[in-house]
């Protein structure tokens, strides 16, 4: 007679493993969110209460003076608009240029495509510090220094280099049946691009757009060099300059950090479904 394991015992190891994984992920999530929670608590805490009870204590009442003071001190609405304008423009232009380049390299199979891919790969590997002086000199020569246009051009080129390298590998494996069917219907290369390639690759393009926006939003070094006027600075630059030049109490510092984090988090939450769809589409493909 063959002994059998009871169903409850057979299912227990799997349940224990799933519970362990869930507990581990919960702990990691709390560790990631803990700094944001501390910043949020101190942003709405009075300076006297912070000095008396420390940074980990709960606020006795909501103290919004630090957030209001910081908002008007740096004209935060203007900085938000500058960051949004630069990031959105760079994301749109970089995706557009990446699509055009990758279409020529990956699907058009242009001559010297390997050399072009190596060039774009090298552009991705160059540190920003190595680009500062030549870009500074060129922007001075053409009269674009201290303008948002200069920053948009620079970051569009940087992001498009990465996008071209990534999309070229994606378009290289694009289904040839779709291209041949479109050609048999009389569609030209331009129409194939916008009616077949772009709609089919939309999940990947939406992920690229989201990453380009967030990466550009978080940039600090190059905007610090090229945007010296106060009315043209972005959010990261305004936060860094203010905290470096002026003495602020812990409440105002926490308020500045909170205001700097919230827009990027909101954008990520809004486009979270887009990122999920793009990743799942790439996995299924």
Protein backbone atom coordinates (compact mmCIF):
# COMPACT_ATOMS: atom_id res chain seq x y z
CA UNK A 1 0.00 0.00 0.00
CA UNK A 2 1.44 3.40 -1.05
CA UNK A 3 1.36 6.14 1.57
CA UNK A 4 -0.04 9.46 0.44
CA UNK A 5 0.60 12.89 1.88
CA UNK A 6 -2.50 14.73 3.16
CA UNK A 7 -3.54 17.71 1.01
CA UNK A 8 -2.99 20.12 3.91
CA UNK A 9 0.62 18.99 4.30
CA UNK A 10 1.25 19.10 0.57
CA UNK A 11 0.11 22.74 0.37
CA UNK A 12 1.85 23.97 3.52
CA UNK A 13 5.41 24.44 2.11
CA UNK A 14 4.07 26.54 -0.74
CA UNK A 15 2.04 28.70 1.61
CA UNK A 16 5.01 29.16 3.93
CA UNK A 17 7.21 30.19 1.04
CA UNK A 18 4.65 32.67 -0.27
CA UNK A 19 4.15 34.09 3.23
CA UNK A 20 7.89 34.48 3.70
CA UNK A 21 8.23 36.29 0.40
CA UNK A 22 5.29 38.55 1.23
CA UNK A 23 6.74 39.41 4.65
CA UNK A 24 10.14 40.11 3.10
CA UNK A 25 8.64 42.39 0.44
CA UNK A 26 6.59 44.20 3.08
CA UNK A 27 9.69 44.83 5.20
CA UNK A 28 11.63 46.10 2.17
CA UNK A 29 8.74 48.38 1.21
CA UNK A 30 8.63 49.85 4.71
CA UNK A 31 12.40 50.41 4.64
CA UNK A 32 12.09 52.26 1.33
CA UNK A 33 9.13 54.36 2.50
CA UNK A 34 10.58 55.15 5.94
CA UNK A 35 12.76 58.11 4.80
CA UNK A 36 9.84 59.64 2.90
CA UNK A 37 7.62 59.26 5.97
CA UNK A 38 10.22 60.95 8.19
CA UNK A 39 10.56 63.83 5.72
CA UNK A 40 6.77 64.24 5.54
CA UNK A 41 6.44 64.24 9.35
CA UNK A 42 9.17 66.84 9.84
CA UNK A 43 7.74 69.04 7.05
CA UNK A 44 4.55 69.57 9.06
CA UNK A 45 6.26 69.86 12.45
CA UNK A 46 7.01 73.16 14.20
CA UNK A 47 10.73 73.99 14.68
CA UNK A 48 10.31 74.16 18.47
CA UNK A 49 8.62 70.76 18.51
CA UNK A 50 11.38 69.34 16.33
CA UNK A 51 14.05 70.68 18.69
CA UNK A 52 12.23 69.35 21.77
CA UNK A 53 11.14 65.88 20.57
CA UNK A 54 13.52 65.02 17.74
CA UNK A 55 12.92 64.01 14.11
CA UNK A 56 11.13 60.71 14.81
CA UNK A 57 8.32 62.08 16.97
CA UNK A 58 4.79 62.58 15.68
CA UNK A 59 3.71 66.22 15.23
CA UNK A 60 1.30 67.50 17.82
CA UNK A 61 -0.42 69.69 15.21
CA UNK A 62 -0.02 70.44 11.54
CA UNK A 63 2.52 73.21 10.98
CA UNK A 64 2.38 74.35 7.35
CA UNK A 65 4.39 77.53 7.78
CA UNK A 66 7.59 75.85 6.56
CA UNK A 67 5.98 74.66 3.32
CA UNK A 68 4.39 78.06 2.64
CA UNK A 69 7.59 79.97 3.42
CA UNK A 70 9.67 77.75 1.17
CA UNK A 71 7.14 77.95 -1.68
CA UNK A 72 7.22 81.74 -1.78
CA UNK A 73 10.92 82.05 -0.97
CA UNK A 74 12.01 80.23 -4.15
CA UNK A 75 8.87 80.93 -6.23
CA UNK A 76 8.35 77.17 -6.38
CA UNK A 77 5.50 77.38 -8.89
CA UNK A 78 7.89 78.91 -11.43
CA UNK A 79 10.48 76.19 -10.76
CA UNK A 80 7.82 73.52 -11.23
CA UNK A 81 6.85 74.99 -14.58
CA UNK A 82 10.49 75.15 -15.72
CA UNK A 83 11.09 71.51 -14.77
CA UNK A 84 7.86 70.35 -16.38
CA UNK A 85 8.47 72.28 -19.60
CA UNK A 86 12.05 71.04 -19.98
CA UNK A 87 11.28 67.43 -19.00
CA UNK A 88 8.17 67.08 -21.17
CA UNK A 89 9.82 68.68 -24.20
CA UNK A 90 12.93 66.52 -23.85
CA UNK A 91 10.85 63.35 -23.43
CA UNK A 92 8.76 64.04 -26.57
CA UNK A 93 11.70 65.08 -28.76
CA UNK A 94 13.97 62.28 -27.54
CA UNK A 95 11.35 59.61 -28.24
CA UNK A 96 10.66 61.09 -31.69
CA UNK A 97 14.35 61.21 -32.64
CA UNK A 98 14.94 57.74 -31.21
CA UNK A 99 12.11 56.33 -33.32
CA UNK A 100 13.43 57.90 -36.51
CA UNK A 101 17.00 56.78 -35.88
CA UNK A 102 16.04 53.27 -34.80
CA UNK A 103 13.71 52.87 -37.79
CA UNK A 104 16.58 53.64 -40.16
CA UNK A 105 19.05 51.43 -38.29
CA UNK A 106 16.90 48.53 -37.13
CA UNK A 107 14.33 48.15 -39.92
CA UNK A 108 15.93 50.04 -42.81
CA UNK A 109 19.20 48.17 -42.26
CA UNK A 110 21.20 51.19 -43.37
CA UNK A 111 24.86 50.83 -44.22
CA UNK A 112 27.25 51.30 -41.33
CA UNK A 113 24.55 50.63 -38.75
CA UNK A 114 27.01 48.82 -36.48
CA UNK A 115 29.25 51.89 -36.44
CA UNK A 116 26.25 54.10 -35.64
CA UNK A 117 25.21 51.81 -32.77
CA UNK A 118 28.74 51.88 -31.38
CA UNK A 119 28.66 55.68 -31.59
CA UNK A 120 25.38 55.86 -29.65
CA UNK A 121 26.71 53.35 -27.11
CA UNK A 122 29.82 55.48 -26.63
CA UNK A 123 27.64 58.57 -26.18
CA UNK A 124 25.79 56.79 -23.37
CA UNK A 125 29.05 55.93 -21.62
CA UNK A 126 30.46 59.46 -21.59
CA UNK A 127 30.14 61.16 -18.17
CA UNK A 128 28.42 64.52 -18.06
CA UNK A 129 31.52 66.11 -16.56
CA UNK A 130 33.37 65.45 -19.83
CA UNK A 131 30.69 67.32 -21.79
CA UNK A 132 30.52 70.46 -19.67
CA UNK A 133 33.28 72.57 -21.24
CA UNK A 134 32.55 71.89 -24.95
CA UNK A 135 28.81 72.35 -24.39
CA UNK A 136 29.42 75.51 -22.38
CA UNK A 137 31.67 76.91 -25.13
CA UNK A 138 29.20 76.03 -27.92
CA UNK A 139 26.23 77.48 -26.06
CA UNK A 140 28.18 80.71 -25.52
CA UNK A 141 29.09 80.87 -29.21
CA UNK A 142 25.52 80.45 -30.46
CA UNK A 143 23.98 82.66 -27.77
CA UNK A 144 21.99 79.95 -26.00
CA UNK A 145 23.75 80.02 -22.65
CA UNK A 146 21.43 80.55 -19.69
CA UNK A 147 18.38 79.49 -21.68
CA UNK A 148 16.00 76.58 -21.36
CA UNK A 149 16.49 75.82 -25.05
CA UNK A 150 20.15 74.92 -24.46
CA UNK A 151 19.23 72.46 -21.69
CA UNK A 152 16.46 70.96 -23.85
CA UNK A 153 18.85 70.43 -26.78
CA UNK A 154 21.53 68.87 -24.58
CA UNK A 155 19.25 66.45 -22.78
CA UNK A 156 17.38 65.57 -25.96
CA UNK A 157 20.67 64.47 -27.53
CA UNK A 158 21.68 62.52 -24.42
CA UNK A 159 18.35 60.73 -24.01
CA UNK A 160 17.95 60.12 -27.74
CA UNK A 161 21.32 58.35 -27.82
CA UNK A 162 20.07 55.85 -25.26
CA UNK A 163 16.66 55.58 -26.94
CA UNK A 164 18.22 54.93 -30.34
CA UNK A 165 20.44 52.17 -28.97
CA UNK A 166 17.50 50.51 -27.21
CA UNK A 167 14.91 50.83 -29.98
CA UNK A 168 17.34 49.64 -32.66
CA UNK A 169 17.47 46.23 -31.01
CA UNK A 170 13.68 46.23 -30.67
CA UNK A 171 13.05 47.21 -34.30
CA UNK A 172 15.64 44.72 -35.52
CA UNK A 173 13.31 41.90 -34.40
CA UNK A 174 10.16 43.64 -35.67
CA UNK A 175 7.79 41.12 -37.38
CA UNK A 176 8.62 41.17 -41.08
CA UNK A 177 5.14 39.88 -41.93
CA UNK A 178 3.61 43.19 -40.87
CA UNK A 179 6.09 45.18 -42.95
CA UNK A 180 5.56 42.98 -46.00
CA UNK A 181 1.77 43.19 -45.65
CA UNK A 182 1.92 46.98 -45.44
CA UNK A 183 4.22 47.11 -48.49
CA UNK A 184 1.82 44.91 -50.46
CA UNK A 185 -0.97 47.37 -49.62
CA UNK A 186 1.08 50.14 -51.21
CA UNK A 187 2.27 51.83 -48.02
CA UNK A 188 5.54 53.75 -48.29
CA UNK A 189 8.28 53.78 -45.67
CA UNK A 190 6.92 56.89 -43.97
CA UNK A 191 3.42 55.46 -43.75
CA UNK A 192 4.75 52.11 -42.52
CA UNK A 193 6.56 53.91 -39.74
CA UNK A 194 3.55 55.85 -38.43
CA UNK A 195 0.77 53.37 -39.24
CA UNK A 196 2.49 50.06 -38.40
CA UNK A 197 5.75 50.40 -36.46
CA UNK A 198 4.79 53.14 -33.99
CA UNK A 199 1.37 51.71 -32.97
CA UNK A 200 2.87 48.24 -32.55
CA UNK A 201 5.76 49.58 -30.47
CA UNK A 202 3.65 51.99 -28.43
CA UNK A 203 4.14 50.17 -25.06
CA UNK A 204 7.93 50.43 -25.42
CA UNK A 205 7.70 54.07 -26.51
CA UNK A 206 5.50 54.97 -23.54
CA UNK A 207 8.02 53.42 -21.15
CA UNK A 208 10.81 55.40 -22.82
CA UNK A 209 8.79 58.61 -22.53
CA UNK A 210 8.20 58.03 -18.80
CA UNK A 211 11.87 57.28 -18.10
CA UNK A 212 13.08 60.25 -20.15
CA UNK A 213 10.74 62.56 -18.26
CA UNK A 214 11.82 61.32 -14.81
CA UNK A 215 15.53 61.26 -15.70
CA UNK A 216 15.42 64.81 -17.03
CA UNK A 217 13.38 66.02 -14.05
CA UNK A 218 15.97 64.68 -11.60
CA UNK A 219 18.99 66.13 -13.43
CA UNK A 220 21.02 68.56 -11.35
CA UNK A 221 24.56 69.02 -12.66
CA UNK A 222 24.02 70.33 -16.20
CA UNK A 223 21.05 72.59 -15.32
CA UNK A 224 23.18 74.02 -12.50
CA UNK A 225 25.84 74.97 -15.07
CA UNK A 226 23.59 76.25 -17.85
CA UNK A 227 20.72 77.88 -15.93
CA UNK A 228 22.21 80.61 -13.78
CA UNK A 229 19.19 82.94 -13.70
CA UNK A 230 16.82 82.39 -10.82
CA UNK A 231 13.72 82.56 -13.04
CA UNK A 232 15.00 79.72 -15.27
CA UNK A 233 16.14 77.22 -12.66
CA UNK A 234 14.59 73.78 -12.26
CA UNK A 235 13.35 72.20 -9.04
CA UNK A 236 16.55 70.23 -8.18
CA UNK A 237 18.73 73.29 -8.84
CA UNK A 238 16.51 75.56 -6.73
CA UNK A 239 16.61 73.09 -3.84
CA UNK A 240 20.38 72.72 -4.02
CA UNK A 241 21.12 76.42 -4.35
CA UNK A 242 18.80 77.45 -1.54
CA UNK A 243 20.09 74.85 0.90
CA UNK A 244 23.66 75.77 0.04
CA UNK A 245 23.32 79.55 0.28
CA UNK A 246 20.92 80.13 3.15
CA UNK A 247 20.52 78.73 6.61
CA UNK A 248 17.19 76.96 7.00
CA UNK A 249 15.68 75.22 9.99
CA UNK A 250 14.91 71.51 9.87
CA UNK A 251 11.22 72.10 9.19
CA UNK A 252 11.85 74.26 6.12
CA UNK A 253 14.52 71.86 4.89
CA UNK A 254 12.10 68.94 5.19
CA UNK A 255 9.42 70.99 3.44
CA UNK A 256 11.78 71.68 0.53
CA UNK A 257 12.66 67.99 0.27
CA UNK A 258 8.97 67.02 0.37
CA UNK A 259 8.01 69.51 -2.34
CA UNK A 260 10.89 68.28 -4.48
CA UNK A 261 9.86 64.64 -4.17
CA UNK A 262 6.09 64.90 -4.55
CA UNK A 263 5.93 65.93 -8.28
CA UNK A 264 8.15 63.04 -9.41
CA UNK A 265 6.21 60.56 -7.26
CA UNK A 266 2.87 61.82 -8.61
CA UNK A 267 4.11 61.52 -12.19
CA UNK A 268 5.31 57.97 -11.52
CA UNK A 269 1.98 57.00 -9.96
CA UNK A 270 0.04 58.48 -12.88
CA UNK A 271 2.10 56.55 -15.43
CA UNK A 272 2.50 53.40 -13.33
CA UNK A 273 -0.05 51.54 -15.44
CA UNK A 274 1.77 52.63 -18.59
CA UNK A 275 5.05 51.27 -17.24
CA UNK A 276 3.39 47.98 -16.22
CA UNK A 277 1.81 47.53 -19.64
CA UNK A 278 5.08 48.31 -21.38
CA UNK A 279 7.08 45.85 -19.30
CA UNK A 280 4.46 43.10 -19.68
CA UNK A 281 4.21 43.71 -23.43
CA UNK A 282 7.98 43.39 -23.75
CA UNK A 283 7.96 40.19 -21.66
CA UNK A 284 5.18 38.62 -23.75
CA UNK A 285 6.86 39.64 -26.98
